[in-house]
Amino acid sequence: MSNGFPPSPADFEAALRKVEIGLATAKEADVIRQYVGDMEEGMNYLHDRLRETREILMRERASSDRLQRALDEAFNSGSGAYIP
């Protein structure tokens, strides 16, 4: 992490090992905080994309349902509509 990049999983594991053996310093606490913060940010991003995808799929499903009802009505009304 001293290279200016976010902590890697290896940095996180090393910090946890120091916590486990009682040798953790403020540096390890910072590594853990930043790593967890980065994970939360990534999870929030993915959650937002998942919600957007669900909304799109629900709109598509509603549109498909409306189209199917219209096709069913046309077929059942005897209008001569051909549905393969």
N, C-alpha and C. Protein backbone atom coordinates (compact mmCIF):
# COMPACT_ATOMS: atom_id res chain seq x y z
N MET A 1 0.82 -1.19 0.00
CA MET A 1 0.00 0.00 0.00
C MET A 1 0.86 1.25 0.00
N SER A 2 2.08 1.15 0.38
CA SER A 2 2.96 2.31 0.42
C SER A 2 3.23 2.88 -0.96
N ASN A 3 2.85 2.14 -2.01
CA ASN A 3 3.06 2.61 -3.38
C ASN A 3 1.96 3.54 -3.86
N GLY A 4 1.01 3.88 -3.01
CA GLY A 4 -0.07 4.79 -3.38
C GLY A 4 -1.29 4.11 -3.94
N PHE A 5 -1.22 2.80 -4.13
CA PHE A 5 -2.36 2.05 -4.64
C PHE A 5 -3.22 1.55 -3.48
N PRO A 6 -4.47 1.22 -3.77
CA PRO A 6 -5.31 0.63 -2.71
C PRO A 6 -4.69 -0.68 -2.23
N PRO A 7 -5.00 -1.08 -1.01
CA PRO A 7 -4.43 -2.33 -0.50
C PRO A 7 -4.92 -3.54 -1.29
N SER A 8 -4.00 -4.45 -1.49
CA SER A 8 -4.33 -5.69 -2.20
C SER A 8 -4.87 -6.69 -1.19
N PRO A 9 -5.44 -7.80 -1.69
CA PRO A 9 -5.85 -8.86 -0.76
C PRO A 9 -4.68 -9.34 0.10
N ALA A 10 -3.48 -9.37 -0.47
CA ALA A 10 -2.30 -9.79 0.30
C ALA A 10 -1.99 -8.79 1.41
N ASP A 11 -2.12 -7.50 1.11
CA ASP A 11 -1.92 -6.47 2.14
C ASP A 11 -2.92 -6.65 3.27
N PHE A 12 -4.18 -6.92 2.89
CA PHE A 12 -5.24 -7.12 3.87
C PHE A 12 -4.94 -8.34 4.74
N GLU A 13 -4.56 -9.44 4.12
CA GLU A 13 -4.24 -10.66 4.87
C GLU A 13 -3.06 -10.42 5.82
N ALA A 14 -2.04 -9.72 5.36
CA ALA A 14 -0.88 -9.43 6.21
C ALA A 14 -1.30 -8.58 7.41
N ALA A 15 -2.17 -7.61 7.18
CA ALA A 15 -2.65 -6.77 8.28
C ALA A 15 -3.46 -7.61 9.27
N LEU A 16 -4.30 -8.51 8.76
CA LEU A 16 -5.07 -9.38 9.65
C LEU A 16 -4.16 -10.28 10.49
N ARG A 17 -3.10 -10.81 9.86
CA ARG A 17 -2.16 -11.65 10.61
C ARG A 17 -1.53 -10.87 11.77
N LYS A 18 -1.18 -9.60 11.51
CA LYS A 18 -0.59 -8.78 12.58
C LYS A 18 -1.61 -8.53 13.69
N VAL A 19 -2.87 -8.35 13.32
CA VAL A 19 -3.92 -8.18 14.33
C VAL A 19 -4.02 -9.46 15.17
N GLU A 20 -4.01 -10.60 14.50
CA GLU A 20 -4.16 -11.89 15.19
C GLU A 20 -3.04 -12.15 16.19
N ILE A 21 -1.84 -11.71 15.87
CA ILE A 21 -0.71 -11.97 16.78
C ILE A 21 -0.44 -10.79 17.71
N GLY A 22 -1.27 -9.78 17.63
CA GLY A 22 -1.15 -8.65 18.56
C GLY A 22 -0.08 -7.65 18.22
N LEU A 23 0.36 -7.59 16.96
CA LEU A 23 1.40 -6.65 16.55
C LEU A 23 0.87 -5.55 15.62
N ALA A 24 -0.43 -5.38 15.57
CA ALA A 24 -1.02 -4.41 14.65
C ALA A 24 -0.71 -2.99 15.11
N THR A 25 -0.51 -2.14 14.13
CA THR A 25 -0.29 -0.71 14.38
C THR A 25 -1.37 0.07 13.66
N ALA A 26 -1.27 1.38 13.71
CA ALA A 26 -2.22 2.24 13.00
C ALA A 26 -2.15 1.97 11.50
N LYS A 27 -0.96 1.59 11.00
CA LYS A 27 -0.80 1.28 9.57
C LYS A 27 -1.71 0.12 9.18
N GLU A 28 -1.71 -0.95 9.97
CA GLU A 28 -2.56 -2.10 9.66
C GLU A 28 -4.03 -1.73 9.75
N ALA A 29 -4.38 -0.91 10.72
CA ALA A 29 -5.77 -0.46 10.85
C ALA A 29 -6.19 0.31 9.60
N ASP A 30 -5.29 1.16 9.10
CA ASP A 30 -5.59 1.91 7.88
C ASP A 30 -5.77 0.98 6.68
N VAL A 31 -4.91 -0.04 6.58
CA VAL A 31 -5.01 -1.00 5.48
C VAL A 31 -6.37 -1.70 5.53
N ILE A 32 -6.75 -2.15 6.72
CA ILE A 32 -8.03 -2.86 6.87
C ILE A 32 -9.19 -1.94 6.55
N ARG A 33 -9.16 -0.72 7.08
CA ARG A 33 -10.25 0.24 6.80
C ARG A 33 -10.38 0.52 5.31
N GLN A 34 -9.25 0.76 4.66
CA GLN A 34 -9.31 1.09 3.23
C GLN A 34 -9.77 -0.12 2.42
N TYR A 35 -9.28 -1.31 2.76
CA TYR A 35 -9.68 -2.51 2.02
C TYR A 35 -11.17 -2.75 2.16
N VAL A 36 -11.67 -2.65 3.38
CA VAL A 36 -13.10 -2.85 3.62
C VAL A 36 -13.91 -1.76 2.92
N GLY A 37 -13.44 -0.52 2.97
CA GLY A 37 -14.11 0.58 2.28
C GLY A 37 -14.19 0.35 0.78
N ASP A 38 -13.08 -0.13 0.21
CA ASP A 38 -13.06 -0.43 -1.22
C ASP A 38 -14.04 -1.55 -1.56
N MET A 39 -14.10 -2.57 -0.70
CA MET A 39 -15.05 -3.67 -0.92
C MET A 39 -16.48 -3.17 -0.83
N GLU A 40 -16.78 -2.33 0.14
CA GLU A 40 -18.14 -1.78 0.26
C GLU A 40 -18.51 -0.95 -0.96
N GLU A 41 -17.55 -0.15 -1.44
CA GLU A 41 -17.81 0.66 -2.63
C GLU A 41 -18.12 -0.23 -3.83
N GLY A 42 -17.33 -1.29 -3.99
CA GLY A 42 -17.58 -2.23 -5.09
C GLY A 42 -18.92 -2.92 -4.96
N MET A 43 -19.28 -3.31 -3.75
CA MET A 43 -20.57 -3.96 -3.54
C MET A 43 -21.72 -3.01 -3.81
N ASN A 44 -21.58 -1.76 -3.40
CA ASN A 44 -22.63 -0.77 -3.67
C ASN A 44 -22.81 -0.55 -5.17
N TYR A 45 -21.69 -0.48 -5.90
CA TYR A 45 -21.75 -0.33 -7.35
C TYR A 45 -22.50 -1.51 -7.97
N LEU A 46 -22.12 -2.72 -7.57
CA LEU A 46 -22.77 -3.91 -8.13
C LEU A 46 -24.25 -3.97 -7.74
N HIS A 47 -24.57 -3.57 -6.53
CA HIS A 47 -25.97 -3.56 -6.10
C HIS A 47 -26.78 -2.59 -6.96
N ASP A 48 -26.21 -1.42 -7.24
CA ASP A 48 -26.90 -0.44 -8.08
C ASP A 48 -27.12 -0.99 -9.49
N ARG A 49 -26.09 -1.64 -10.06
CA ARG A 49 -26.23 -2.21 -11.40
C ARG A 49 -27.27 -3.33 -11.40
N LEU A 50 -27.29 -4.13 -10.35
CA LEU A 50 -28.27 -5.20 -10.25
C LEU A 50 -29.69 -4.65 -10.17
N ARG A 51 -29.88 -3.59 -9.39
CA ARG A 51 -31.19 -2.97 -9.29
C ARG A 51 -31.62 -2.40 -10.63
N GLU A 52 -30.71 -1.73 -11.33
CA GLU A 52 -31.03 -1.18 -12.65
C GLU A 52 -31.39 -2.30 -13.64
N THR A 53 -30.65 -3.38 -13.60
CA THR A 53 -30.93 -4.51 -14.48
C THR A 53 -32.29 -5.11 -14.18
N ARG A 54 -32.61 -5.24 -12.91
CA ARG A 54 -33.92 -5.78 -12.52
C ARG A 54 -35.03 -4.88 -13.03
N GLU A 55 -34.86 -3.56 -12.89
CA GLU A 55 -35.87 -2.62 -13.36
C GLU A 55 -36.06 -2.74 -14.87
N ILE A 56 -34.97 -2.88 -15.60
CA ILE A 56 -35.05 -3.04 -17.06
C ILE A 56 -35.79 -4.33 -17.40
N LEU A 57 -35.44 -5.40 -16.71
CA LEU A 57 -36.10 -6.69 -16.99
C LEU A 57 -37.58 -6.64 -16.65
N MET A 58 -37.95 -5.96 -15.58
CA MET A 58 -39.37 -5.85 -15.22
C MET A 58 -40.13 -5.05 -16.27
N ARG A 59 -39.51 -3.97 -16.80
CA ARG A 59 -40.16 -3.19 -17.87
C ARG A 59 -40.32 -4.05 -19.12
N GLU A 60 -39.28 -4.80 -19.47
CA GLU A 60 -39.33 -5.67 -20.65
C GLU A 60 -40.40 -6.74 -20.47
N ARG A 61 -40.50 -7.28 -19.29
CA ARG A 61 -41.50 -8.30 -19.03
C ARG A 61 -42.91 -7.72 -19.17
N ALA A 62 -43.13 -6.53 -18.62
CA ALA A 62 -44.44 -5.89 -18.74
C ALA A 62 -44.76 -5.62 -20.20
N SER A 63 -43.77 -5.17 -20.96
CA SER A 63 -43.99 -4.91 -22.38
C SER A 63 -44.32 -6.20 -23.12
N SER A 64 -43.60 -7.26 -22.79
CA SER A 64 -43.86 -8.55 -23.42
C SER A 64 -45.25 -9.08 -23.06
N ASP A 65 -45.64 -8.89 -21.81
CA ASP A 65 -46.98 -9.31 -21.39
C ASP A 65 -48.07 -8.55 -22.15
N ARG A 66 -47.87 -7.24 -22.33
CA ARG A 66 -48.85 -6.44 -23.08
C ARG A 66 -48.94 -6.91 -24.52
N LEU A 67 -47.80 -7.18 -25.12
CA LEU A 67 -47.77 -7.66 -26.50
C LEU A 67 -48.48 -9.01 -26.61
N GLN A 68 -48.21 -9.90 -25.66
CA GLN A 68 -48.85 -11.22 -25.70
C GLN A 68 -50.36 -11.08 -25.55
N ARG A 69 -50.83 -10.19 -24.66
CA ARG A 69 -52.28 -9.99 -24.50
C ARG A 69 -52.89 -9.46 -25.79
N ALA A 70 -52.21 -8.53 -26.44
CA ALA A 70 -52.72 -7.97 -27.70
C ALA A 70 -52.80 -9.05 -28.77
N LEU A 71 -51.77 -9.89 -28.85
CA LEU A 71 -51.79 -10.98 -29.82
C LEU A 71 -52.91 -11.97 -29.52
N ASP A 72 -53.07 -12.30 -28.24
CA ASP A 72 -54.15 -13.21 -27.84
C ASP A 72 -55.51 -12.64 -28.20
N GLU A 73 -55.70 -11.35 -27.93
CA GLU A 73 -56.99 -10.71 -28.24
C GLU A 73 -57.25 -10.71 -29.74
N ALA A 74 -56.21 -10.41 -30.52
CA ALA A 74 -56.37 -10.40 -31.98
C ALA A 74 -56.70 -11.80 -32.48
N PHE A 75 -56.06 -12.80 -31.97
CA PHE A 75 -56.31 -14.17 -32.40
C PHE A 75 -57.70 -14.63 -31.99
N ASN A 76 -58.10 -14.29 -30.76
CA ASN A 76 -59.39 -14.75 -30.24
C ASN A 76 -60.58 -13.95 -30.75
N SER A 77 -60.30 -12.80 -31.31
CA SER A 77 -61.43 -11.95 -31.77
C SER A 77 -61.94 -12.38 -33.14
N GLY A 78 -61.24 -13.30 -33.76
CA GLY A 78 -61.65 -13.76 -35.07
C GLY A 78 -61.32 -12.75 -36.16
N SER A 79 -60.36 -11.89 -35.88
CA SER A 79 -60.02 -10.86 -36.87
C SER A 79 -59.23 -11.44 -38.04
N GLY A 80 -58.91 -12.69 -37.94
CA GLY A 80 -58.17 -13.29 -39.03
C GLY A 80 -56.67 -13.11 -38.89
N ALA A 81 -56.25 -12.58 -37.77
CA ALA A 81 -54.82 -12.39 -37.56
C ALA A 81 -54.15 -13.76 -37.49
N TYR A 82 -53.05 -13.88 -38.18
CA TYR A 82 -52.33 -15.14 -38.19
C TYR A 82 -51.19 -15.07 -37.19
N ILE A 83 -51.18 -16.02 -36.28
CA ILE A 83 -50.09 -16.09 -35.30
C ILE A 83 -49.45 -17.45 -35.45
N PRO A 84 -48.24 -17.49 -35.98
CA PRO A 84 -47.56 -18.79 -36.21
C PRO A 84 -47.25 -19.49 -34.91
